[in-house]
């Protein structure tokens, strides 16, 4: 007995669900990007620089890791 629903219909439904899921992910990424830009505008308004000055962050663990990585690549270790 046929349920009245073709196999293509279920595949079509799956495709529509997948497209909706991808669209929602894209919208969320766009919203995140907008918030990041707004944060950069705010930081630029407060500090005069949206990027910050890397030389001021001497205690940053990221800076220390980058310096170790550069030193290792220079010495060949």
C-alpha atoms as a PDB file:
ATOM      1  CA  UNK A   1       0.000   0.000   0.000  1.00  0.00           C
ATOM      2  CA  UNK A   2       1.298   3.380  -0.965  1.00  0.00           C
ATOM      3  CA  UNK A   3       1.318   6.143   1.581  1.00  0.00           C
ATOM      4  CA  UNK A   4       0.660   8.692  -1.137  1.00  0.00           C
ATOM      5  CA  UNK A   5       4.098  10.185  -0.676  1.00  0.00           C
ATOM      6  CA  UNK A   6       6.753   9.641  -3.266  1.00  0.00           C
ATOM      7  CA  UNK A   7      10.377   8.977  -2.473  1.00  0.00           C
ATOM      8  CA  UNK A   8      11.264  12.211  -4.242  1.00  0.00           C
ATOM      9  CA  UNK A   9       9.052  14.114  -1.828  1.00  0.00           C
ATOM     10  CA  UNK A  10      10.991  12.936   1.192  1.00  0.00           C
ATOM     11  CA  UNK A  11      14.273  13.785  -0.525  1.00  0.00           C
ATOM     12  CA  UNK A  12      12.823  17.177  -1.442  1.00  0.00           C
ATOM     13  CA  UNK A  13      11.786  17.740   2.168  1.00  0.00           C
ATOM     14  CA  UNK A  14      15.278  16.809   3.324  1.00  0.00           C
ATOM     15  CA  UNK A  15      16.804  19.267   0.838  1.00  0.00           C
ATOM     16  CA  UNK A  16      14.496  22.058   2.023  1.00  0.00           C
ATOM     17  CA  UNK A  17      15.359  21.348   5.681  1.00  0.00           C
ATOM     18  CA  UNK A  18      19.065  21.354   4.830  1.00  0.00           C
ATOM     19  CA  UNK A  19      18.772  24.630   2.896  1.00  0.00           C
ATOM     20  CA  UNK A  20      16.910  26.226   5.811  1.00  0.00           C
ATOM     21  CA  UNK A  21      19.594  24.998   8.214  1.00  0.00           C
ATOM     22  CA  UNK A  22      22.357  26.476   6.022  1.00  0.00           C
ATOM     23  CA  UNK A  23      20.480  29.769   5.676  1.00  0.00           C
ATOM     24  CA  UNK A  24      20.071  30.012   9.456  1.00  0.00           C
ATOM     25  CA  UNK A  25      23.796  29.330   9.934  1.00  0.00           C
ATOM     26  CA  UNK A  26      24.650  32.032   7.376  1.00  0.00           C
ATOM     27  CA  UNK A  27      22.360  34.528   9.108  1.00  0.00           C
ATOM     28  CA  UNK A  28      23.973  33.740  12.472  1.00  0.00           C
ATOM     29  CA  UNK A  29      27.451  34.263  10.979  1.00  0.00           C
ATOM     30  CA  UNK A  30      26.342  37.578   9.490  1.00  0.00           C
ATOM     31  CA  UNK A  31      24.988  38.733  12.847  1.00  0.00           C
ATOM     32  CA  UNK A  32      28.245  37.757  14.537  1.00  0.00           C
ATOM     33  CA  UNK A  33      30.235  39.692  11.923  1.00  0.00           C
ATOM     34  CA  UNK A  34      28.055  42.760  12.454  1.00  0.00           C
ATOM     35  CA  UNK A  35      28.638  42.612  16.212  1.00  0.00           C
ATOM     36  CA  UNK A  36      32.401  42.305  15.633  1.00  0.00           C
ATOM     37  CA  UNK A  37      32.413  45.385  13.399  1.00  0.00           C
ATOM     38  CA  UNK A  38      30.337  47.341  15.923  1.00  0.00           C
ATOM     39  CA  UNK A  39      32.849  46.335  18.614  1.00  0.00           C
ATOM     40  CA  UNK A  40      35.712  47.574  16.420  1.00  0.00           C
ATOM     41  CA  UNK A  41      33.926  50.910  15.881  1.00  0.00           C
ATOM     42  CA  UNK A  42      33.386  51.215  19.637  1.00  0.00           C
ATOM     43  CA  UNK A  43      37.027  50.380  20.388  1.00  0.00           C
ATOM     44  CA  UNK A  44      38.211  52.857  17.755  1.00  0.00           C
ATOM     45  CA  UNK A  45      36.027  55.556  19.301  1.00  0.00           C
ATOM     46  CA  UNK A  46      37.419  54.887  22.771  1.00  0.00           C
ATOM     47  CA  UNK A  47      41.076  54.280  22.004  1.00  0.00           C
ATOM     48  CA  UNK A  48      41.649  55.780  18.566  1.00  0.00           C
ATOM     49  CA  UNK A  49      42.632  52.392  17.153  1.00  0.00           C
ATOM     50  CA  UNK A  50      40.384  49.509  16.155  1.00  0.00           C
ATOM     51  CA  UNK A  51      43.338  47.120  15.966  1.00  0.00           C
ATOM     52  CA  UNK A  52      45.174  47.893  19.186  1.00  0.00           C
ATOM     53  CA  UNK A  53      48.910  48.221  19.600  1.00  0.00           C
ATOM     54  CA  UNK A  54      50.609  44.827  19.796  1.00  0.00           C
ATOM     55  CA  UNK A  55      53.653  46.322  21.537  1.00  0.00           C
ATOM     56  CA  UNK A  56      51.507  47.216  24.576  1.00  0.00           C
ATOM     57  CA  UNK A  57      50.534  43.590  25.268  1.00  0.00           C
ATOM     58  CA  UNK A  58      53.882  42.274  26.499  1.00  0.00           C
ATOM     59  CA  UNK A  59      52.314  39.892  29.048  1.00  0.00           C
ATOM     60  CA  UNK A  60      49.957  38.252  26.571  1.00  0.00           C
ATOM     61  CA  UNK A  61      50.372  34.457  26.377  1.00  0.00           C
ATOM     62  CA  UNK A  62      49.573  34.702  22.665  1.00  0.00           C
ATOM     63  CA  UNK A  63      52.478  37.092  22.144  1.00  0.00           C
ATOM     64  CA  UNK A  64      54.830  34.806  24.089  1.00  0.00           C
ATOM     65  CA  UNK A  65      53.756  31.813  21.982  1.00  0.00           C
ATOM     66  CA  UNK A  66      54.292  33.819  18.781  1.00  0.00           C
ATOM     67  CA  UNK A  67      57.767  34.909  19.889  1.00  0.00           C
ATOM     68  CA  UNK A  68      58.739  31.329  20.755  1.00  0.00           C
ATOM     69  CA  UNK A  69      57.443  30.163  17.371  1.00  0.00           C
ATOM     70  CA  UNK A  70      59.402  32.859  15.510  1.00  0.00           C
ATOM     71  CA  UNK A  71      62.558  32.132  17.524  1.00  0.00           C
ATOM     72  CA  UNK A  72      62.244  28.415  16.781  1.00  0.00           C
ATOM     73  CA  UNK A  73      61.822  29.040  13.060  1.00  0.00           C
ATOM     74  CA  UNK A  74      64.846  31.385  12.991  1.00  0.00           C
ATOM     75  CA  UNK A  75      67.147  29.006  14.859  1.00  0.00           C
ATOM     76  CA  UNK A  76      65.821  25.971  12.983  1.00  0.00           C
ATOM     77  CA  UNK A  77      64.841  24.112  16.172  1.00  0.00           C
END
